[in-house]
Every structure is written in C-alpha cells, then in structure tokens.
C-alpha cells in the first residue's frame, strides 16, 4: 500500500489523468494534434515513473539496502 501512496506514484497518476483528460477534451473539440500530444504525455508519465523507480532501486542496491517486496 505504501507504493500507492508515494509522492512519485501520486504525481504520475495526476499527470496521467491530466494528460488523458486533455486528449479526451481535444478529441471532443476536434483538435487532433492536441489529442495526440495528450496521449504521448500520458505514456511519458508512466515511463518517467518507471525510470524513477528503477533509479531508486538501483541506488538502494548500490548502498546495500535490502528492497522489500510488497505482497498483497
């Protein structure tokens, strides 16, 4: 549950939803270029989140910190 309440995840979710909302609104208003930009930003927000998590995990491994696996 802590992964879902982290600042990185919440910011990623907000960026994803904002970009998705922008692309939906642009499609409704018939602005295809803006809609495509919104879709690209949606994908980029997920990719940036994954890169940040990978960076944090790699830094933890370098320091010798054991990474806890989250079990549901």
C-alpha atoms as a PDB file:
ATOM      1  CA  UNK A   1       0.000   0.000   0.000  1.00  0.00           C
ATOM      2  CA  UNK A   2       2.925   2.346   0.610  1.00  0.00           C
ATOM      3  CA  UNK A   3       3.872   2.235  -3.083  1.00  0.00           C
ATOM      4  CA  UNK A   4       0.416   3.550  -3.979  1.00  0.00           C
ATOM      5  CA  UNK A   5       0.699   6.439  -1.519  1.00  0.00           C
ATOM      6  CA  UNK A   6       4.180   7.533  -2.551  1.00  0.00           C
ATOM      7  CA  UNK A   7       4.634  11.031  -3.925  1.00  0.00           C
ATOM      8  CA  UNK A   8       6.128   9.702  -7.162  1.00  0.00           C
ATOM      9  CA  UNK A   9       3.134   7.469  -7.815  1.00  0.00           C
ATOM     10  CA  UNK A  10       0.579  10.157  -6.953  1.00  0.00           C
ATOM     11  CA  UNK A  11       2.303  12.701  -9.204  1.00  0.00           C
ATOM     12  CA  UNK A  12       2.476  10.129 -12.005  1.00  0.00           C
ATOM     13  CA  UNK A  13      -1.228   9.378 -11.585  1.00  0.00           C
ATOM     14  CA  UNK A  14      -2.126  13.070 -11.629  1.00  0.00           C
ATOM     15  CA  UNK A  15      -0.009  13.652 -14.742  1.00  0.00           C
ATOM     16  CA  UNK A  16      -1.547  10.643 -16.458  1.00  0.00           C
ATOM     17  CA  UNK A  17      -5.106  11.685 -15.665  1.00  0.00           C
ATOM     18  CA  UNK A  18      -4.464  15.297 -16.641  1.00  0.00           C
ATOM     19  CA  UNK A  19      -2.960  14.255 -19.962  1.00  0.00           C
ATOM     20  CA  UNK A  20      -5.755  11.784 -20.571  1.00  0.00           C
ATOM     21  CA  UNK A  21      -8.359  14.447 -19.820  1.00  0.00           C
ATOM     22  CA  UNK A  22      -6.628  16.843 -22.183  1.00  0.00           C
ATOM     23  CA  UNK A  23      -6.608  14.321 -25.008  1.00  0.00           C
ATOM     24  CA  UNK A  24     -10.284  13.441 -24.461  1.00  0.00           C
ATOM     25  CA  UNK A  25     -11.275  17.121 -24.422  1.00  0.00           C
ATOM     26  CA  UNK A  26      -9.197  17.769 -27.536  1.00  0.00           C
ATOM     27  CA  UNK A  27     -10.858  14.855 -29.353  1.00  0.00           C
ATOM     28  CA  UNK A  28     -14.283  16.226 -28.409  1.00  0.00           C
ATOM     29  CA  UNK A  29     -13.293  19.694 -29.675  1.00  0.00           C
ATOM     30  CA  UNK A  30     -11.770  18.206 -32.837  1.00  0.00           C
ATOM     31  CA  UNK A  31      -8.151  19.201 -32.179  1.00  0.00           C
ATOM     32  CA  UNK A  32      -6.283  16.035 -33.228  1.00  0.00           C
ATOM     33  CA  UNK A  33      -2.789  17.471 -32.693  1.00  0.00           C
ATOM     34  CA  UNK A  34      -3.540  18.323 -29.073  1.00  0.00           C
ATOM     35  CA  UNK A  35      -5.183  14.917 -28.582  1.00  0.00           C
ATOM     36  CA  UNK A  36      -2.060  13.147 -29.839  1.00  0.00           C
ATOM     37  CA  UNK A  37       0.091  15.326 -27.577  1.00  0.00           C
ATOM     38  CA  UNK A  38      -2.079  14.369 -24.604  1.00  0.00           C
ATOM     39  CA  UNK A  39      -1.724  10.679 -25.408  1.00  0.00           C
ATOM     40  CA  UNK A  40       2.041  10.992 -25.723  1.00  0.00           C
ATOM     41  CA  UNK A  41       2.243  12.812 -22.379  1.00  0.00           C
ATOM     42  CA  UNK A  42       0.114  10.069 -20.786  1.00  0.00           C
ATOM     43  CA  UNK A  43       2.593   7.433 -21.919  1.00  0.00           C
ATOM     44  CA  UNK A  44       5.579   9.548 -20.910  1.00  0.00           C
ATOM     45  CA  UNK A  45       4.276   9.991 -17.369  1.00  0.00           C
ATOM     46  CA  UNK A  46       4.206   6.208 -16.891  1.00  0.00           C
ATOM     47  CA  UNK A  47       7.655   5.825 -18.454  1.00  0.00           C
ATOM     48  CA  UNK A  48       9.148   8.550 -16.256  1.00  0.00           C
ATOM     49  CA  UNK A  49       7.640   6.926 -13.147  1.00  0.00           C
ATOM     50  CA  UNK A  50       9.163   3.570 -14.107  1.00  0.00           C
ATOM     51  CA  UNK A  51      12.545   5.198 -14.691  1.00  0.00           C
ATOM     52  CA  UNK A  52      12.406   6.949 -11.315  1.00  0.00           C
ATOM     53  CA  UNK A  53      11.557   3.709  -9.517  1.00  0.00           C
ATOM     54  CA  UNK A  54      14.386   1.915 -11.318  1.00  0.00           C
ATOM     55  CA  UNK A  55      16.806   4.682 -10.300  1.00  0.00           C
ATOM     56  CA  UNK A  56      15.711   4.484  -6.645  1.00  0.00           C
ATOM     57  CA  UNK A  57      16.001   0.691  -6.638  1.00  0.00           C
ATOM     58  CA  UNK A  58      19.465   0.814  -8.225  1.00  0.00           C
ATOM     59  CA  UNK A  59      20.631   3.375  -5.668  1.00  0.00           C
ATOM     60  CA  UNK A  60      19.340   1.162  -2.860  1.00  0.00           C
ATOM     61  CA  UNK A  61      21.224  -1.842  -4.258  1.00  0.00           C
ATOM     62  CA  UNK A  62      24.417   0.211  -4.527  1.00  0.00           C
ATOM     63  CA  UNK A  63      24.104   1.192  -0.864  1.00  0.00           C
ATOM     64  CA  UNK A  64      23.432  -2.398   0.135  1.00  0.00           C
ATOM     65  CA  UNK A  65      19.883  -1.735   1.313  1.00  0.00           C
ATOM     66  CA  UNK A  66      17.562  -4.687   1.005  1.00  0.00           C
ATOM     67  CA  UNK A  67      14.483  -3.868  -1.066  1.00  0.00           C
ATOM     68  CA  UNK A  68      11.232  -5.127   0.437  1.00  0.00           C
ATOM     69  CA  UNK A  69       8.853  -6.909  -1.881  1.00  0.00           C
ATOM     70  CA  UNK A  70       5.276  -5.777  -1.485  1.00  0.00           C
ATOM     71  CA  UNK A  71       2.866  -8.680  -1.027  1.00  0.00           C
ATOM     72  CA  UNK A  72      -0.842  -8.222  -1.402  1.00  0.00           C
END
